[in-house]
Amino acid sequence: MLRIKAERLRRGWTQLQLAVLTRLQTTEISRIENGRFRPYPGQMLRLCNALELTPEELLEEDEENG
């Protein structure tokens, strides 16, 4: 799983909360978290800002949860 989901869960956020913060749809969040979709540059920037991570950190695989 991509680090996006791990970071969201670490903060106790739902997909809806992250979607509101990033102005993305929950379906987009789900597809990104499950590795079925890579975010566009603008989406990546909004995710990075919300989760306070760099793009490289954001797209890392979460080693603890595979």
N, C-alpha and C. Protein backbone atom coordinates (compact mmCIF):
# COMPACT_ATOMS: atom_id res chain seq x y z
N MET A 1 0.85 -1.18 0.00
CA MET A 1 0.00 0.00 0.00
C MET A 1 0.89 1.23 0.00
N LEU A 2 0.47 2.24 -0.70
CA LEU A 2 1.23 3.48 -0.73
C LEU A 2 1.16 4.17 0.63
N ARG A 3 2.13 4.98 0.88
CA ARG A 3 2.24 5.65 2.17
C ARG A 3 1.07 6.60 2.43
N ILE A 4 0.40 7.01 1.38
CA ILE A 4 -0.72 7.94 1.54
C ILE A 4 -1.74 7.40 2.54
N LYS A 5 -2.12 6.16 2.38
CA LYS A 5 -3.12 5.57 3.26
C LYS A 5 -2.59 5.45 4.69
N ALA A 6 -1.35 5.02 4.83
CA ALA A 6 -0.77 4.89 6.17
C ALA A 6 -0.73 6.23 6.88
N GLU A 7 -0.35 7.28 6.15
CA GLU A 7 -0.29 8.61 6.75
C GLU A 7 -1.69 9.12 7.10
N ARG A 8 -2.65 8.86 6.24
CA ARG A 8 -4.02 9.26 6.53
C ARG A 8 -4.53 8.57 7.79
N LEU A 9 -4.30 7.26 7.88
CA LEU A 9 -4.76 6.50 9.04
C LEU A 9 -4.01 6.90 10.31
N ARG A 10 -2.73 7.21 10.17
CA ARG A 10 -1.93 7.64 11.33
C ARG A 10 -2.51 8.92 11.94
N ARG A 11 -3.07 9.74 11.09
CA ARG A 11 -3.68 10.99 11.56
C ARG A 11 -5.12 10.79 12.02
N GLY A 12 -5.67 9.61 11.80
CA GLY A 12 -7.04 9.34 12.20
C GLY A 12 -8.07 9.94 11.26
N TRP A 13 -7.67 10.20 10.02
CA TRP A 13 -8.56 10.81 9.05
C TRP A 13 -9.28 9.75 8.23
N THR A 14 -10.49 10.06 7.84
CA THR A 14 -11.21 9.23 6.89
C THR A 14 -10.82 9.68 5.48
N GLN A 15 -11.20 8.87 4.49
CA GLN A 15 -10.96 9.29 3.11
C GLN A 15 -11.73 10.57 2.81
N LEU A 16 -12.90 10.70 3.38
CA LEU A 16 -13.70 11.91 3.17
C LEU A 16 -12.98 13.15 3.71
N GLN A 17 -12.39 13.04 4.89
CA GLN A 17 -11.68 14.17 5.46
C GLN A 17 -10.50 14.57 4.58
N LEU A 18 -9.74 13.58 4.10
CA LEU A 18 -8.61 13.89 3.22
C LEU A 18 -9.12 14.47 1.90
N ALA A 19 -10.22 13.96 1.40
CA ALA A 19 -10.79 14.48 0.16
C ALA A 19 -11.18 15.95 0.31
N VAL A 20 -11.78 16.30 1.42
CA VAL A 20 -12.16 17.70 1.66
C VAL A 20 -10.92 18.58 1.73
N LEU A 21 -9.90 18.13 2.44
CA LEU A 21 -8.67 18.92 2.58
C LEU A 21 -7.95 19.12 1.25
N THR A 22 -8.06 18.15 0.36
CA THR A 22 -7.31 18.19 -0.89
C THR A 22 -8.16 18.55 -2.10
N ARG A 23 -9.46 18.71 -1.89
CA ARG A 23 -10.40 18.99 -2.97
C ARG A 23 -10.38 17.88 -4.03
N LEU A 24 -10.21 16.64 -3.57
CA LEU A 24 -10.29 15.47 -4.44
C LEU A 24 -11.56 14.70 -4.08
N GLN A 25 -11.97 13.82 -4.94
CA GLN A 25 -13.12 12.98 -4.63
C GLN A 25 -12.65 11.77 -3.83
N THR A 26 -13.54 11.23 -3.00
CA THR A 26 -13.16 10.05 -2.22
C THR A 26 -12.81 8.88 -3.11
N THR A 27 -13.44 8.78 -4.27
CA THR A 27 -13.09 7.69 -5.20
C THR A 27 -11.67 7.85 -5.71
N GLU A 28 -11.24 9.09 -5.92
CA GLU A 28 -9.85 9.33 -6.33
C GLU A 28 -8.88 8.95 -5.22
N ILE A 29 -9.21 9.32 -4.00
CA ILE A 29 -8.37 8.97 -2.85
C ILE A 29 -8.24 7.45 -2.78
N SER A 30 -9.33 6.75 -2.89
CA SER A 30 -9.32 5.29 -2.82
C SER A 30 -8.45 4.69 -3.91
N ARG A 31 -8.62 5.15 -5.13
CA ARG A 31 -7.83 4.60 -6.24
C ARG A 31 -6.35 4.89 -6.08
N ILE A 32 -6.01 6.07 -5.57
CA ILE A 32 -4.61 6.42 -5.34
C ILE A 32 -4.03 5.53 -4.24
N GLU A 33 -4.76 5.40 -3.13
CA GLU A 33 -4.29 4.59 -2.02
C GLU A 33 -4.08 3.13 -2.41
N ASN A 34 -4.91 2.63 -3.29
CA ASN A 34 -4.81 1.23 -3.71
C ASN A 34 -3.87 1.01 -4.88
N GLY A 35 -3.21 2.06 -5.32
CA GLY A 35 -2.23 1.94 -6.38
C GLY A 35 -2.82 1.75 -7.76
N ARG A 36 -4.10 2.02 -7.92
CA ARG A 36 -4.74 1.88 -9.22
C ARG A 36 -4.67 3.16 -10.04
N PHE A 37 -4.17 4.24 -9.44
CA PHE A 37 -4.13 5.53 -10.10
C PHE A 37 -2.99 6.34 -9.50
N ARG A 38 -2.18 6.95 -10.34
CA ARG A 38 -1.14 7.87 -9.87
C ARG A 38 -1.71 9.28 -9.96
N PRO A 39 -1.56 10.05 -8.89
CA PRO A 39 -2.12 11.41 -8.90
C PRO A 39 -1.43 12.30 -9.93
N TYR A 40 -2.21 13.18 -10.54
CA TYR A 40 -1.66 14.20 -11.43
C TYR A 40 -0.85 15.19 -10.59
N PRO A 41 0.03 15.97 -11.22
CA PRO A 41 0.87 16.90 -10.44
C PRO A 41 0.09 17.81 -9.48
N GLY A 42 -1.02 18.37 -9.92
CA GLY A 42 -1.80 19.24 -9.03
C GLY A 42 -2.39 18.47 -7.85
N GLN A 43 -2.85 17.27 -8.11
CA GLN A 43 -3.38 16.42 -7.04
C GLN A 43 -2.27 16.04 -6.07
N MET A 44 -1.09 15.73 -6.62
CA MET A 44 0.06 15.36 -5.79
C MET A 44 0.42 16.51 -4.86
N LEU A 45 0.43 17.71 -5.38
CA LEU A 45 0.77 18.87 -4.56
C LEU A 45 -0.23 19.05 -3.43
N ARG A 46 -1.50 18.90 -3.72
CA ARG A 46 -2.52 19.04 -2.67
C ARG A 46 -2.39 17.95 -1.62
N LEU A 47 -2.10 16.72 -2.04
CA LEU A 47 -1.90 15.62 -1.08
C LEU A 47 -0.66 15.88 -0.22
N CYS A 48 0.41 16.33 -0.86
CA CYS A 48 1.64 16.64 -0.12
C CYS A 48 1.40 17.72 0.93
N ASN A 49 0.69 18.76 0.54
CA ASN A 49 0.41 19.84 1.48
C ASN A 49 -0.44 19.36 2.65
N ALA A 50 -1.45 18.57 2.36
CA ALA A 50 -2.35 18.09 3.42
C ALA A 50 -1.63 17.15 4.38
N LEU A 51 -0.76 16.29 3.84
CA LEU A 51 -0.09 15.28 4.66
C LEU A 51 1.30 15.70 5.11
N GLU A 52 1.73 16.89 4.68
CA GLU A 52 3.04 17.44 5.04
C GLU A 52 4.16 16.48 4.68
N LEU A 53 4.14 16.00 3.44
CA LEU A 53 5.16 15.08 2.93
C LEU A 53 5.64 15.58 1.57
N THR A 54 6.84 15.13 1.18
CA THR A 54 7.33 15.41 -0.16
C THR A 54 6.69 14.41 -1.13
N PRO A 55 6.72 14.70 -2.42
CA PRO A 55 6.19 13.73 -3.39
C PRO A 55 6.88 12.37 -3.29
N GLU A 56 8.18 12.37 -3.06
CA GLU A 56 8.91 11.10 -2.94
C GLU A 56 8.42 10.30 -1.74
N GLU A 57 8.24 10.98 -0.62
CA GLU A 57 7.74 10.30 0.58
C GLU A 57 6.32 9.79 0.37
N LEU A 58 5.53 10.60 -0.30
CA LEU A 58 4.12 10.27 -0.49
C LEU A 58 3.93 9.00 -1.31
N LEU A 59 4.78 8.78 -2.30
CA LEU A 59 4.62 7.63 -3.19
C LEU A 59 5.40 6.39 -2.76
N GLU A 60 6.11 6.49 -1.62
CA GLU A 60 6.81 5.31 -1.10
C GLU A 60 5.81 4.24 -0.73
N GLU A 61 6.25 3.00 -0.84
CA GLU A 61 5.44 1.91 -0.33
C GLU A 61 5.52 1.93 1.19
N ASP A 62 4.42 1.66 1.84
CA ASP A 62 4.40 1.56 3.30
C ASP A 62 4.91 0.17 3.65
N GLU A 63 6.14 0.09 4.15
CA GLU A 63 6.78 -1.20 4.41
C GLU A 63 6.09 -2.00 5.49
N GLU A 64 5.52 -1.33 6.48
CA GLU A 64 4.87 -2.04 7.57
C GLU A 64 3.63 -2.79 7.11
N ASN A 65 2.90 -2.17 6.19
CA ASN A 65 1.63 -2.73 5.76
C ASN A 65 1.64 -3.26 4.33
N GLY A 66 2.84 -3.32 3.72
CA GLY A 66 3.00 -3.91 2.40
C GLY A 66 2.41 -3.15 1.31
